[in-house]
Amino acid sequence: MIKYDCILFATDFSDSSEKACEHALTIASMAGARLHVLHVITELVDKRRRRLPAEVIEIFTREVETHAVEDINEFCRRYLSADKVGEVKVTSDVVIGRSEEEILRQAAKVNADLIVLGTHGRTGIEKVLVGSTAERVVRDSKVPVLTVRI
């Protein structure tokens, strides 16, 4: 029998994340697993920021991180409040980097047995231009990945 001790749930705070959160919490509850909520700040990876003075980047980074922590705390209050999670232990983290790389890195760091994330269901030219974080995570993950389409 497969045992889930830790489930990593990656969120971008979109509508698809809300639905994926329900799945992650349900599985964690049924399995008696810990639920680790992750948000990846991708805005700070842009190579064009090298053209900005270091002190501007530092201030901007602190602001973005502060808001991301507030956002993940609000997300957890809304969807993972004590009355909803029961016995499930919930932890959260905010990191900076490329979404797919950080999701996989953090999954390894917390010893996740399963990754859960929402997908926007992009198709056609939009998928080609924007790409799919979920697709790249599924392709490169060493643990099972559950994608939830809105």
N, C-alpha and C. Protein backbone atom coordinates (compact mmCIF):
# COMPACT_ATOMS: atom_id res chain seq x y z
N MET A 1 0.84 -1.19 0.00
CA MET A 1 0.00 0.00 0.00
C MET A 1 0.89 1.25 0.00
N ILE A 2 0.50 2.23 -0.77
CA ILE A 2 1.26 3.48 -0.86
C ILE A 2 0.95 4.33 0.35
N LYS A 3 2.00 4.90 0.92
CA LYS A 3 1.86 5.75 2.12
C LYS A 3 2.26 7.17 1.77
N TYR A 4 1.39 8.10 2.08
CA TYR A 4 1.68 9.52 1.91
C TYR A 4 1.95 10.12 3.28
N ASP A 5 3.19 10.56 3.49
CA ASP A 5 3.52 11.24 4.74
C ASP A 5 3.51 12.75 4.57
N CYS A 6 3.84 13.21 3.36
CA CYS A 6 3.88 14.64 3.10
C CYS A 6 3.40 14.91 1.68
N ILE A 7 2.48 15.85 1.57
CA ILE A 7 1.97 16.27 0.27
C ILE A 7 2.36 17.72 0.07
N LEU A 8 3.00 18.00 -1.06
CA LEU A 8 3.35 19.37 -1.39
C LEU A 8 2.26 19.91 -2.32
N PHE A 9 1.66 21.01 -1.90
CA PHE A 9 0.64 21.67 -2.71
C PHE A 9 1.20 23.01 -3.15
N ALA A 10 1.38 23.18 -4.46
CA ALA A 10 1.92 24.42 -5.01
C ALA A 10 0.77 25.30 -5.47
N THR A 11 0.81 26.57 -5.06
CA THR A 11 -0.28 27.49 -5.41
C THR A 11 0.25 28.77 -6.03
N ASP A 12 -0.51 29.25 -7.00
CA ASP A 12 -0.26 30.59 -7.55
C ASP A 12 -1.43 31.51 -7.20
N PHE A 13 -2.29 31.04 -6.29
CA PHE A 13 -3.45 31.77 -5.79
C PHE A 13 -4.55 31.96 -6.83
N SER A 14 -4.49 31.22 -7.93
CA SER A 14 -5.51 31.32 -8.98
C SER A 14 -6.72 30.48 -8.61
N ASP A 15 -7.76 30.56 -9.44
CA ASP A 15 -8.96 29.74 -9.22
C ASP A 15 -8.63 28.26 -9.28
N SER A 16 -7.70 27.87 -10.14
CA SER A 16 -7.35 26.45 -10.23
C SER A 16 -6.64 25.99 -8.94
N SER A 17 -5.95 26.89 -8.28
CA SER A 17 -5.29 26.55 -7.02
C SER A 17 -6.31 26.25 -5.93
N GLU A 18 -7.40 26.98 -5.93
CA GLU A 18 -8.45 26.77 -4.93
C GLU A 18 -8.98 25.34 -5.02
N LYS A 19 -9.28 24.90 -6.23
CA LYS A 19 -9.80 23.54 -6.44
C LYS A 19 -8.74 22.50 -6.12
N ALA A 20 -7.51 22.75 -6.53
CA ALA A 20 -6.41 21.81 -6.24
C ALA A 20 -6.19 21.70 -4.73
N CYS A 21 -6.37 22.79 -4.02
CA CYS A 21 -6.20 22.79 -2.57
C CYS A 21 -7.18 21.83 -1.91
N GLU A 22 -8.41 21.82 -2.40
CA GLU A 22 -9.42 20.90 -1.86
C GLU A 22 -8.96 19.45 -2.03
N HIS A 23 -8.42 19.13 -3.20
CA HIS A 23 -7.93 17.77 -3.44
C HIS A 23 -6.75 17.45 -2.52
N ALA A 24 -5.80 18.38 -2.42
CA ALA A 24 -4.62 18.15 -1.58
C ALA A 24 -5.03 17.92 -0.12
N LEU A 25 -5.95 18.73 0.36
CA LEU A 25 -6.39 18.60 1.75
C LEU A 25 -7.14 17.29 1.98
N THR A 26 -7.97 16.91 1.04
CA THR A 26 -8.71 15.65 1.16
C THR A 26 -7.76 14.47 1.22
N ILE A 27 -6.79 14.44 0.32
CA ILE A 27 -5.83 13.33 0.30
C ILE A 27 -5.00 13.34 1.58
N ALA A 28 -4.53 14.50 2.01
CA ALA A 28 -3.75 14.59 3.24
C ALA A 28 -4.56 14.10 4.43
N SER A 29 -5.81 14.48 4.48
CA SER A 29 -6.68 14.05 5.58
C SER A 29 -6.89 12.54 5.59
N MET A 30 -7.17 11.98 4.43
CA MET A 30 -7.40 10.53 4.34
C MET A 30 -6.13 9.75 4.64
N ALA A 31 -4.98 10.29 4.24
CA ALA A 31 -3.71 9.57 4.41
C ALA A 31 -3.03 9.87 5.74
N GLY A 32 -3.52 10.86 6.47
CA GLY A 32 -2.85 11.26 7.70
C GLY A 32 -1.52 11.93 7.40
N ALA A 33 -1.45 12.62 6.27
CA ALA A 33 -0.20 13.23 5.82
C ALA A 33 -0.13 14.70 6.21
N ARG A 34 1.08 15.21 6.25
CA ARG A 34 1.32 16.64 6.43
C ARG A 34 1.11 17.31 5.08
N LEU A 35 0.59 18.53 5.09
CA LEU A 35 0.36 19.29 3.86
C LEU A 35 1.28 20.50 3.87
N HIS A 36 2.17 20.56 2.88
CA HIS A 36 3.09 21.69 2.77
C HIS A 36 2.64 22.55 1.60
N VAL A 37 2.28 23.80 1.89
CA VAL A 37 1.79 24.73 0.88
C VAL A 37 2.96 25.59 0.40
N LEU A 38 3.12 25.68 -0.90
CA LEU A 38 4.25 26.40 -1.49
C LEU A 38 3.77 27.42 -2.51
N HIS A 39 4.35 28.62 -2.43
CA HIS A 39 4.15 29.62 -3.47
C HIS A 39 5.52 30.03 -3.98
N VAL A 40 5.67 30.05 -5.30
CA VAL A 40 6.94 30.43 -5.91
C VAL A 40 6.78 31.83 -6.52
N ILE A 41 7.65 32.74 -6.10
CA ILE A 41 7.68 34.08 -6.68
C ILE A 41 8.54 33.99 -7.94
N THR A 42 7.91 34.19 -9.07
CA THR A 42 8.64 34.07 -10.33
C THR A 42 9.03 35.42 -10.90
N GLU A 43 8.40 36.47 -10.44
CA GLU A 43 8.62 37.80 -11.00
C GLU A 43 10.05 38.29 -10.83
N LEU A 44 10.77 37.76 -9.86
CA LEU A 44 12.11 38.25 -9.55
C LEU A 44 13.21 37.52 -10.29
N VAL A 45 12.85 36.64 -11.20
CA VAL A 45 13.83 35.85 -11.94
C VAL A 45 14.21 36.52 -13.25
N ASP A 46 13.46 37.48 -13.67
CA ASP A 46 13.66 38.15 -14.95
C ASP A 46 15.09 38.69 -15.09
N LYS A 47 15.76 38.32 -16.15
CA LYS A 47 17.15 38.72 -16.36
C LYS A 47 17.31 40.22 -16.61
N ARG A 48 16.24 40.88 -17.02
CA ARG A 48 16.32 42.32 -17.26
C ARG A 48 16.56 43.11 -15.99
N ARG A 49 16.31 42.51 -14.84
CA ARG A 49 16.49 43.24 -13.59
C ARG A 49 17.97 43.55 -13.32
N ARG A 50 18.88 42.88 -14.03
CA ARG A 50 20.31 43.18 -13.86
C ARG A 50 20.62 44.63 -14.22
N ARG A 51 19.77 45.23 -15.00
CA ARG A 51 19.98 46.61 -15.42
C ARG A 51 19.60 47.61 -14.33
N LEU A 52 18.97 47.14 -13.29
CA LEU A 52 18.55 48.02 -12.20
C LEU A 52 19.61 48.06 -11.11
N PRO A 53 19.69 49.18 -10.41
CA PRO A 53 20.64 49.27 -9.30
C PRO A 53 20.32 48.24 -8.21
N ALA A 54 21.33 47.70 -7.57
CA ALA A 54 21.17 46.65 -6.56
C ALA A 54 20.22 47.06 -5.44
N GLU A 55 20.31 48.33 -5.00
CA GLU A 55 19.45 48.76 -3.89
C GLU A 55 17.98 48.79 -4.30
N VAL A 56 17.70 49.08 -5.56
CA VAL A 56 16.32 49.07 -6.05
C VAL A 56 15.80 47.63 -6.06
N ILE A 57 16.61 46.73 -6.53
CA ILE A 57 16.21 45.31 -6.56
C ILE A 57 15.98 44.79 -5.16
N GLU A 58 16.85 45.17 -4.23
CA GLU A 58 16.71 44.71 -2.85
C GLU A 58 15.39 45.18 -2.24
N ILE A 59 15.05 46.44 -2.43
CA ILE A 59 13.79 46.99 -1.91
C ILE A 59 12.60 46.29 -2.58
N PHE A 60 12.67 46.15 -3.90
CA PHE A 60 11.60 45.50 -4.65
C PHE A 60 11.42 44.06 -4.18
N THR A 61 12.52 43.34 -4.00
CA THR A 61 12.47 41.95 -3.56
C THR A 61 11.80 41.84 -2.19
N ARG A 62 12.19 42.70 -1.27
CA ARG A 62 11.57 42.68 0.07
C ARG A 62 10.07 42.93 -0.01
N GLU A 63 9.67 43.89 -0.84
CA GLU A 63 8.24 44.20 -1.00
C GLU A 63 7.48 43.01 -1.58
N VAL A 64 8.02 42.43 -2.62
CA VAL A 64 7.35 41.29 -3.26
C VAL A 64 7.26 40.12 -2.28
N GLU A 65 8.32 39.83 -1.56
CA GLU A 65 8.31 38.75 -0.58
C GLU A 65 7.29 39.01 0.53
N THR A 66 7.26 40.24 1.02
CA THR A 66 6.31 40.60 2.07
C THR A 66 4.88 40.36 1.61
N HIS A 67 4.57 40.82 0.40
CA HIS A 67 3.22 40.63 -0.12
C HIS A 67 2.91 39.15 -0.38
N ALA A 68 3.88 38.39 -0.84
CA ALA A 68 3.67 36.96 -1.09
C ALA A 68 3.40 36.21 0.21
N VAL A 69 4.12 36.56 1.27
CA VAL A 69 3.88 35.93 2.57
C VAL A 69 2.48 36.29 3.07
N GLU A 70 2.09 37.54 2.91
CA GLU A 70 0.73 37.95 3.28
C GLU A 70 -0.30 37.16 2.47
N ASP A 71 -0.03 37.00 1.17
CA ASP A 71 -0.96 36.27 0.29
C ASP A 71 -1.08 34.80 0.68
N ILE A 72 0.04 34.15 0.99
CA ILE A 72 -0.03 32.73 1.36
C ILE A 72 -0.71 32.56 2.71
N ASN A 73 -0.47 33.49 3.63
CA ASN A 73 -1.14 33.43 4.93
C ASN A 73 -2.65 33.61 4.76
N GLU A 74 -3.04 34.54 3.91
CA GLU A 74 -4.47 34.75 3.64
C GLU A 74 -5.08 33.53 2.96
N PHE A 75 -4.37 32.95 2.00
CA PHE A 75 -4.84 31.74 1.32
C PHE A 75 -5.06 30.63 2.34
N CYS A 76 -4.09 30.43 3.22
CA CYS A 76 -4.21 29.38 4.24
C CYS A 76 -5.36 29.68 5.21
N ARG A 77 -5.53 30.94 5.60
CA ARG A 77 -6.65 31.30 6.48
C ARG A 77 -7.99 30.98 5.79
N ARG A 78 -8.07 31.28 4.51
CA ARG A 78 -9.32 31.09 3.79
C ARG A 78 -9.63 29.61 3.50
N TYR A 79 -8.63 28.86 3.05
CA TYR A 79 -8.89 27.49 2.59
C TYR A 79 -8.37 26.39 3.50
N LEU A 80 -7.52 26.75 4.45
CA LEU A 80 -6.92 25.73 5.31
C LEU A 80 -7.03 26.12 6.78
N SER A 81 -8.16 26.69 7.15
CA SER A 81 -8.38 27.09 8.53
C SER A 81 -8.51 25.84 9.40
N ALA A 82 -8.35 26.02 10.69
CA ALA A 82 -8.34 24.90 11.64
C ALA A 82 -9.61 24.05 11.53
N ASP A 83 -10.75 24.68 11.30
CA ASP A 83 -12.00 23.91 11.20
C ASP A 83 -12.07 23.08 9.92
N LYS A 84 -11.27 23.41 8.91
CA LYS A 84 -11.28 22.66 7.65
C LYS A 84 -10.24 21.55 7.62
N VAL A 85 -9.11 21.75 8.29
CA VAL A 85 -8.02 20.79 8.17
C VAL A 85 -8.08 19.66 9.18
N GLY A 86 -8.82 19.83 10.26
CA GLY A 86 -8.90 18.78 11.26
C GLY A 86 -7.53 18.47 11.84
N GLU A 87 -7.12 17.22 11.68
CA GLU A 87 -5.84 16.76 12.24
C GLU A 87 -4.64 17.00 11.32
N VAL A 88 -4.89 17.49 10.12
CA VAL A 88 -3.81 17.67 9.15
C VAL A 88 -2.89 18.81 9.59
N LYS A 89 -1.59 18.51 9.64
CA LYS A 89 -0.61 19.55 9.95
C LYS A 89 -0.28 20.28 8.65
N VAL A 90 -0.41 21.61 8.69
CA VAL A 90 -0.17 22.43 7.50
C VAL A 90 1.03 23.33 7.75
N THR A 91 1.97 23.29 6.81
CA THR A 91 3.11 24.21 6.82
C THR A 91 3.09 24.96 5.49
N SER A 92 3.79 26.10 5.46
CA SER A 92 3.81 26.85 4.20
C SER A 92 5.17 27.49 4.01
N ASP A 93 5.43 27.85 2.75
CA ASP A 93 6.71 28.44 2.40
C ASP A 93 6.55 29.28 1.14
N VAL A 94 7.35 30.34 1.05
CA VAL A 94 7.42 31.18 -0.13
C VAL A 94 8.87 31.20 -0.57
N VAL A 95 9.12 30.91 -1.85
CA VAL A 95 10.47 30.90 -2.39
C VAL A 95 10.51 31.69 -3.69
N ILE A 96 11.70 32.06 -4.09
CA ILE A 96 11.90 32.80 -5.34
C ILE A 96 12.60 31.90 -6.35
N GLY A 97 12.10 31.89 -7.57
CA GLY A 97 12.77 31.11 -8.62
C GLY A 97 11.83 30.78 -9.76
N ARG A 98 12.26 29.85 -10.57
CA ARG A 98 11.43 29.35 -11.67
C ARG A 98 10.47 28.32 -11.08
N SER A 99 9.20 28.46 -11.39
CA SER A 99 8.15 27.65 -10.75
C SER A 99 8.47 26.16 -10.72
N GLU A 100 8.70 25.60 -11.91
CA GLU A 100 8.87 24.14 -11.96
C GLU A 100 10.12 23.70 -11.20
N GLU A 101 11.19 24.44 -11.29
CA GLU A 101 12.43 24.08 -10.59
C GLU A 101 12.24 24.13 -9.08
N GLU A 102 11.59 25.19 -8.60
CA GLU A 102 11.39 25.34 -7.16
C GLU A 102 10.39 24.35 -6.60
N ILE A 103 9.35 24.04 -7.36
CA ILE A 103 8.38 23.04 -6.90
C ILE A 103 9.09 21.71 -6.70
N LEU A 104 9.91 21.31 -7.67
CA LEU A 104 10.63 20.05 -7.55
C LEU A 104 11.68 20.09 -6.44
N ARG A 105 12.37 21.21 -6.32
CA ARG A 105 13.38 21.36 -5.26
C ARG A 105 12.74 21.29 -3.87
N GLN A 106 11.64 22.00 -3.71
CA GLN A 106 10.97 22.01 -2.41
C GLN A 106 10.34 20.65 -2.10
N ALA A 107 9.84 19.97 -3.13
CA ALA A 107 9.28 18.63 -2.91
C ALA A 107 10.35 17.69 -2.36
N ALA A 108 11.55 17.79 -2.91
CA ALA A 108 12.66 16.97 -2.40
C ALA A 108 13.03 17.40 -0.98
N LYS A 109 13.06 18.70 -0.75
CA LYS A 109 13.46 19.23 0.56
C LYS A 109 12.52 18.78 1.69
N VAL A 110 11.21 18.74 1.42
CA VAL A 110 10.25 18.34 2.46
C VAL A 110 9.89 16.86 2.38
N ASN A 111 10.59 16.12 1.51
CA ASN A 111 10.33 14.69 1.32
C ASN A 111 8.88 14.41 0.94
N ALA A 112 8.39 15.17 -0.01
CA ALA A 112 7.01 15.00 -0.45
C ALA A 112 6.83 13.66 -1.16
N ASP A 113 5.71 13.02 -0.88
CA ASP A 113 5.36 11.77 -1.54
C ASP A 113 4.42 12.00 -2.72
N LEU A 114 3.87 13.22 -2.78
CA LEU A 114 2.92 13.58 -3.82
C LEU A 114 2.97 15.10 -3.99
N ILE A 115 2.88 15.56 -5.23
CA ILE A 115 2.77 16.99 -5.53
C ILE A 115 1.38 17.22 -6.11
N VAL A 116 0.70 18.24 -5.61
CA VAL A 116 -0.61 18.61 -6.12
C VAL A 116 -0.55 20.05 -6.59
N LEU A 117 -1.02 20.30 -7.80
CA LEU A 117 -1.07 21.67 -8.29
C LEU A 117 -2.19 21.82 -9.30
N GLY A 118 -2.67 23.03 -9.40
CA GLY A 118 -3.71 23.34 -10.37
C GLY A 118 -3.11 23.60 -11.72
N THR A 119 -3.94 23.46 -12.74
CA THR A 119 -3.51 23.78 -14.09
C THR A 119 -4.57 24.66 -14.73
N HIS A 120 -4.12 25.58 -15.54
CA HIS A 120 -5.04 26.53 -16.16
C HIS A 120 -5.71 25.98 -17.40
N GLY A 121 -5.24 24.85 -17.89
CA GLY A 121 -5.86 24.25 -19.06
C GLY A 121 -5.63 25.01 -20.35
N ARG A 122 -4.47 25.64 -20.46
CA ARG A 122 -4.15 26.37 -21.69
C ARG A 122 -3.96 25.38 -22.85
N THR A 123 -4.35 25.81 -24.02
CA THR A 123 -4.17 24.98 -25.21
C THR A 123 -3.69 25.86 -26.35
N GLY A 124 -3.31 25.20 -27.43
CA GLY A 124 -2.95 25.90 -28.65
C GLY A 124 -1.78 26.85 -28.49
N ILE A 125 -1.89 28.00 -29.14
CA ILE A 125 -0.78 28.96 -29.18
C ILE A 125 -0.47 29.51 -27.80
N GLU A 126 -1.50 29.68 -26.95
CA GLU A 126 -1.25 30.18 -25.59
C GLU A 126 -0.34 29.22 -24.83
N LYS A 127 -0.55 27.92 -24.98
CA LYS A 127 0.29 26.94 -24.31
C LYS A 127 1.72 27.00 -24.85
N VAL A 128 1.85 27.17 -26.15
CA VAL A 128 3.17 27.26 -26.77
C VAL A 128 3.92 28.49 -26.27
N LEU A 129 3.22 29.63 -26.20
CA LEU A 129 3.86 30.87 -25.79
C LEU A 129 4.12 30.94 -24.29
N VAL A 130 3.16 30.53 -23.49
CA VAL A 130 3.26 30.65 -22.04
C VAL A 130 3.92 29.41 -21.42
N GLY A 131 3.66 28.26 -22.00
CA GLY A 131 4.19 27.03 -21.43
C GLY A 131 3.30 26.54 -20.31
N SER A 132 3.67 25.44 -19.73
CA SER A 132 2.88 24.86 -18.66
C SER A 132 3.79 24.41 -17.53
N THR A 133 3.68 25.10 -16.42
CA THR A 133 4.43 24.69 -15.23
C THR A 133 4.04 23.28 -14.84
N ALA A 134 2.74 23.00 -14.83
CA ALA A 134 2.26 21.68 -14.45
C ALA A 134 2.86 20.59 -15.34
N GLU A 135 2.89 20.85 -16.64
CA GLU A 135 3.44 19.87 -17.58
C GLU A 135 4.91 19.59 -17.29
N ARG A 136 5.67 20.65 -17.02
CA ARG A 136 7.10 20.47 -16.74
C ARG A 136 7.32 19.76 -15.41
N VAL A 137 6.49 20.03 -14.43
CA VAL A 137 6.61 19.34 -13.14
C VAL A 137 6.29 17.85 -13.32
N VAL A 138 5.22 17.56 -14.03
CA VAL A 138 4.85 16.15 -14.28
C VAL A 138 5.98 15.42 -14.98
N ARG A 139 6.57 16.06 -15.99
CA ARG A 139 7.62 15.42 -16.77
C ARG A 139 8.87 15.13 -15.95
N ASP A 140 9.25 16.04 -15.03
CA ASP A 140 10.53 15.92 -14.33
C ASP A 140 10.44 15.42 -12.90
N SER A 141 9.25 15.24 -12.37
CA SER A 141 9.10 14.86 -10.96
C SER A 141 9.48 13.40 -10.73
N LYS A 142 10.10 13.17 -9.58
CA LYS A 142 10.44 11.81 -9.16
C LYS A 142 9.32 11.20 -8.33
N VAL A 143 8.34 12.01 -7.93
CA VAL A 143 7.18 11.52 -7.18
C VAL A 143 5.92 11.78 -8.00
N PRO A 144 4.84 11.08 -7.68
CA PRO A 144 3.59 11.30 -8.42
C PRO A 144 3.13 12.75 -8.32
N VAL A 145 2.47 13.21 -9.38
CA VAL A 145 1.94 14.57 -9.44
C VAL A 145 0.47 14.49 -9.80
N LEU A 146 -0.36 15.17 -9.02
CA LEU A 146 -1.78 15.28 -9.31
C LEU A 146 -2.04 16.69 -9.79
N THR A 147 -2.50 16.81 -11.03
CA THR A 147 -2.88 18.13 -11.55
C THR A 147 -4.39 18.24 -11.54
N VAL A 148 -4.86 19.41 -11.15
CA VAL A 148 -6.30 19.63 -11.04
C VAL A 148 -6.66 20.78 -11.97
N ARG A 149 -7.49 20.49 -12.93
CA ARG A 149 -7.92 21.51 -13.87
C ARG A 149 -9.18 22.17 -13.33
N ILE A 150 -9.27 23.46 -13.49
CA ILE A 150 -10.40 24.21 -12.94
C ILE A 150 -11.71 23.75 -13.59
